[in-house]
Amino acid sequence: ADWIWLEWANEMAQYVTNSAPKIKEKQVICRLHGYEVFTDFPDRINWSVVDHLLFVAHHKQTLFNRRFPGRPACQWVVQNGVNTTRFCLPPNKKNTKRLVLLGNINYRKGLLLLLQFYHELLKRDPSYHLYLRGEFQDLRLEIAARKMIEELSLEKKLEFVPRVNVLSEWLEDKSHILSFSIEESFHYALAE
């Protein structure tokens, strides 16, 4: 290859930039999505062989340069996007009071805050129902969330849903997609 694309500034980028001697003869692009800036991976990447560092958001670039000064000079921000022609909202969409949280469930999704919000919402209008479509990525968060669900008596007012094949069909009878994200560079599930 003449060009090497490292999609994440993570373990793979660390390995390739430090263990593949021929990489010095290539043009190397590394794309930092976001979570990596909160880890020590950038300290372990050999940036001298990286020609271009891409960020998905300006605030990630700013945070990266604050935490890891003096890293690659050639930096670019190429924001994520969504092809909106692939998605459509029916013009007669009604409020079905079916709420959805989409995406793998990790601390960034703000699930515990969402559960508090949902508990308060149900006090005002008990006809809402919440669907959590995603898998837990942290056992501690899962234990805490399930305990909170039990203590707030939400068991009958929400459902955990496994991955669905055709998301657009599954969403047809849902009316709200929620985000309580505390930090993401781009929230694809919400944008789509």
Protein backbone atom coordinates (compact mmCIF):
# COMPACT_ATOMS: atom_id res chain seq x y z
CA ALA A 1 0.00 0.00 0.00
CA ASP A 2 1.07 3.57 -0.63
CA TRP A 3 -1.32 4.93 1.98
CA ILE A 4 -2.16 3.53 5.40
CA TRP A 5 -5.47 4.50 7.03
CA LEU A 6 -5.72 4.00 10.78
CA GLU A 7 -9.41 4.37 11.60
CA TRP A 8 -8.94 4.81 15.35
CA ALA A 9 -6.15 6.29 17.49
CA ASN A 10 -6.21 3.17 19.65
CA GLU A 11 -4.34 -0.14 20.19
CA MET A 12 -4.14 -0.82 16.45
CA ALA A 13 -2.60 2.59 15.72
CA GLN A 14 -0.20 2.08 18.61
CA TYR A 15 0.85 -1.32 17.26
CA VAL A 16 1.18 -0.30 13.61
CA THR A 17 3.10 2.93 14.26
CA ASN A 18 5.56 1.22 16.59
CA SER A 19 5.93 -2.27 15.10
CA ALA A 20 5.75 -1.95 11.31
CA PRO A 21 9.07 -0.50 10.11
CA LYS A 22 7.91 -0.13 6.49
CA ILE A 23 5.24 2.34 7.61
CA LYS A 24 7.90 5.07 7.45
CA GLU A 25 7.82 4.74 3.64
CA LYS A 26 4.05 5.27 3.48
CA GLN A 27 1.62 8.13 3.79
CA VAL A 28 -0.20 7.52 7.09
CA ILE A 29 -3.56 8.95 8.08
CA CYS A 30 -4.98 8.41 11.54
CA ARG A 31 -8.61 9.25 12.35
CA LEU A 32 -9.36 10.02 15.98
CA HIS A 33 -13.06 9.64 16.70
CA GLY A 34 -13.33 10.86 20.26
CA TYR A 35 -13.07 8.35 23.04
CA GLU A 36 -9.35 7.94 22.38
CA VAL A 37 -8.63 11.47 23.63
CA PHE A 38 -9.71 10.35 27.11
CA THR A 39 -7.25 7.43 27.12
CA ASP A 40 -3.47 7.19 27.10
CA PHE A 41 -3.36 5.68 23.59
CA PRO A 42 -2.16 8.95 22.03
CA ASP A 43 0.90 8.82 24.33
CA ARG A 44 1.79 5.38 22.96
CA ILE A 45 1.37 6.14 19.25
CA ASN A 46 4.51 6.96 17.27
CA TRP A 47 3.27 10.23 15.78
CA SER A 48 6.50 10.78 13.82
CA VAL A 49 5.22 8.32 11.20
CA VAL A 50 1.72 9.83 11.00
CA ASP A 51 1.37 12.37 8.20
CA HIS A 52 -2.22 13.47 8.80
CA LEU A 53 -4.34 13.36 11.92
CA LEU A 54 -8.10 13.65 11.35
CA PHE A 55 -10.64 14.60 13.99
CA VAL A 56 -14.40 14.26 13.75
CA ALA A 57 -15.07 17.45 15.73
CA HIS A 58 -13.26 20.68 16.60
CA HIS A 59 -13.71 20.22 20.34
CA LYS A 60 -11.97 16.83 20.12
CA GLN A 61 -9.04 18.46 18.33
CA THR A 62 -8.82 21.17 20.99
CA LEU A 63 -8.92 18.65 23.82
CA PHE A 64 -6.36 16.43 22.08
CA ASN A 65 -3.90 19.32 21.64
CA ARG A 66 -4.38 20.37 25.26
CA ARG A 67 -3.74 16.84 26.56
CA PHE A 68 -1.06 15.83 24.03
CA PRO A 69 0.81 18.98 22.92
CA GLY A 70 3.30 18.88 20.08
CA ARG A 71 1.71 16.01 18.20
CA PRO A 72 1.25 15.89 14.40
CA ALA A 73 1.26 19.34 12.89
CA CYS A 74 -0.92 18.37 9.95
CA GLN A 75 -4.34 18.14 11.54
CA TRP A 76 -7.75 18.25 9.92
CA VAL A 77 -11.33 18.23 11.11
CA VAL A 78 -13.62 16.16 8.89
CA GLN A 79 -16.99 16.07 10.56
CA ASN A 80 -19.24 13.05 10.44
CA GLY A 81 -22.40 13.26 8.45
CA VAL A 82 -25.53 11.36 7.56
CA ASN A 83 -27.01 10.82 4.13
CA THR A 84 -30.47 12.15 4.93
CA THR A 85 -31.96 10.70 1.75
CA ARG A 86 -31.68 7.26 3.40
CA PHE A 87 -34.04 8.29 6.21
CA CYS A 88 -37.44 9.88 6.18
CA LEU A 89 -40.05 10.90 8.69
CA PRO A 90 -43.62 10.27 7.60
CA PRO A 91 -45.48 13.59 7.27
CA ASN A 92 -48.30 12.29 9.48
CA LYS A 93 -46.09 11.02 12.32
CA LYS A 94 -48.05 11.02 15.57
CA ASN A 95 -46.98 11.14 19.18
CA THR A 96 -47.30 7.50 20.21
CA LYS A 97 -45.57 8.17 23.54
CA ARG A 98 -43.09 5.43 22.70
CA LEU A 99 -39.62 6.65 23.54
CA VAL A 100 -36.37 5.13 22.31
CA LEU A 101 -32.74 5.18 23.37
CA LEU A 102 -30.59 3.81 20.52
CA GLY A 103 -27.05 2.54 20.53
CA ASN A 104 -24.77 0.48 22.67
CA ILE A 105 -25.25 1.41 26.29
CA ASN A 106 -22.16 2.84 27.93
CA TYR A 107 -21.55 5.64 30.42
CA ARG A 108 -21.53 8.30 27.67
CA LYS A 109 -25.17 7.64 26.80
CA GLY A 110 -26.33 9.10 30.13
CA LEU A 111 -28.66 6.19 30.90
CA LEU A 112 -28.90 6.89 34.62
CA LEU A 113 -29.91 10.50 33.95
CA LEU A 114 -32.42 9.25 31.37
CA LEU A 115 -33.95 6.89 33.95
CA GLN A 116 -34.37 9.78 36.39
CA PHE A 117 -36.00 11.89 33.67
CA TYR A 118 -38.27 9.03 32.65
CA HIS A 119 -39.35 8.44 36.25
CA GLU A 120 -40.36 12.12 36.52
CA LEU A 121 -42.11 12.03 33.13
CA LEU A 122 -44.21 9.06 34.21
CA LYS A 123 -45.39 11.00 37.27
CA ARG A 124 -46.89 13.55 34.85
CA ASP A 125 -48.09 11.09 32.22
CA PRO A 126 -47.92 7.33 32.90
CA SER A 127 -48.86 6.43 29.32
CA TYR A 128 -45.26 6.69 28.03
CA HIS A 129 -43.17 3.59 27.32
CA LEU A 130 -39.39 3.45 26.93
CA TYR A 131 -37.42 1.10 24.67
CA LEU A 132 -33.68 0.68 25.26
CA ARG A 133 -32.24 -0.67 21.99
CA GLY A 134 -28.64 -1.65 22.58
CA GLU A 135 -26.28 -3.83 24.53
CA PHE A 136 -24.58 -2.85 27.77
CA GLN A 137 -20.86 -2.36 27.34
CA ASP A 138 -20.02 -2.18 31.05
CA LEU A 139 -21.21 -4.62 33.68
CA ARG A 140 -21.03 -1.97 36.43
CA LEU A 141 -23.35 0.32 34.50
CA GLU A 142 -25.73 -2.55 33.80
CA ILE A 143 -25.90 -3.48 37.49
CA ALA A 144 -26.50 0.15 38.49
CA ALA A 145 -29.14 0.69 35.80
CA ARG A 146 -31.05 -2.49 36.58
CA LYS A 147 -31.02 -1.62 40.30
CA MET A 148 -32.27 1.89 39.53
CA ILE A 149 -35.02 0.49 37.30
CA GLU A 150 -36.10 -1.78 40.15
CA GLU A 151 -35.99 0.96 42.81
CA LEU A 152 -37.94 3.40 40.63
CA SER A 153 -40.47 0.67 39.72
CA LEU A 154 -39.88 1.10 36.00
CA GLU A 155 -39.78 -2.60 35.08
CA LYS A 156 -43.20 -2.59 33.41
CA LYS A 157 -42.67 0.79 31.71
CA LEU A 158 -39.54 -0.04 29.72
CA GLU A 159 -38.11 -2.79 27.54
CA PHE A 160 -34.61 -3.81 26.61
CA VAL A 161 -34.60 -4.62 22.90
CA PRO A 162 -31.90 -6.66 21.15
CA ARG A 163 -30.41 -5.54 17.86
CA VAL A 164 -33.05 -5.22 15.16
CA ASN A 165 -32.44 -5.98 11.48
CA VAL A 166 -34.43 -3.15 9.91
CA LEU A 167 -34.33 -0.21 12.26
CA SER A 168 -36.62 2.00 10.15
CA GLU A 169 -39.40 -0.59 10.38
CA TRP A 170 -38.92 -1.06 14.11
CA LEU A 171 -39.11 2.71 14.65
CA GLU A 172 -42.41 3.12 12.75
CA ASP A 173 -44.56 3.06 15.91
CA LYS A 174 -42.07 5.05 18.01
CA SER A 175 -42.34 8.82 18.20
CA HIS A 176 -39.31 10.09 20.14
CA ILE A 177 -35.62 9.25 20.03
CA LEU A 178 -33.88 10.45 23.16
CA SER A 179 -30.31 11.47 23.84
CA PHE A 180 -28.96 12.04 27.31
CA SER A 181 -25.40 11.73 26.09
CA ILE A 182 -22.89 13.39 28.36
CA GLU A 183 -20.16 13.43 25.71
CA GLU A 184 -19.92 12.30 22.12
CA SER A 185 -18.20 13.76 19.12
CA PHE A 186 -21.18 12.87 16.95
CA HIS A 187 -24.26 10.93 17.97
CA TYR A 188 -24.98 8.81 14.88
CA ALA A 189 -28.01 7.04 16.34
CA LEU A 190 -29.68 10.38 16.99
CA ALA A 191 -28.67 11.92 13.67
CA GLU A 192 -29.91 8.98 11.64
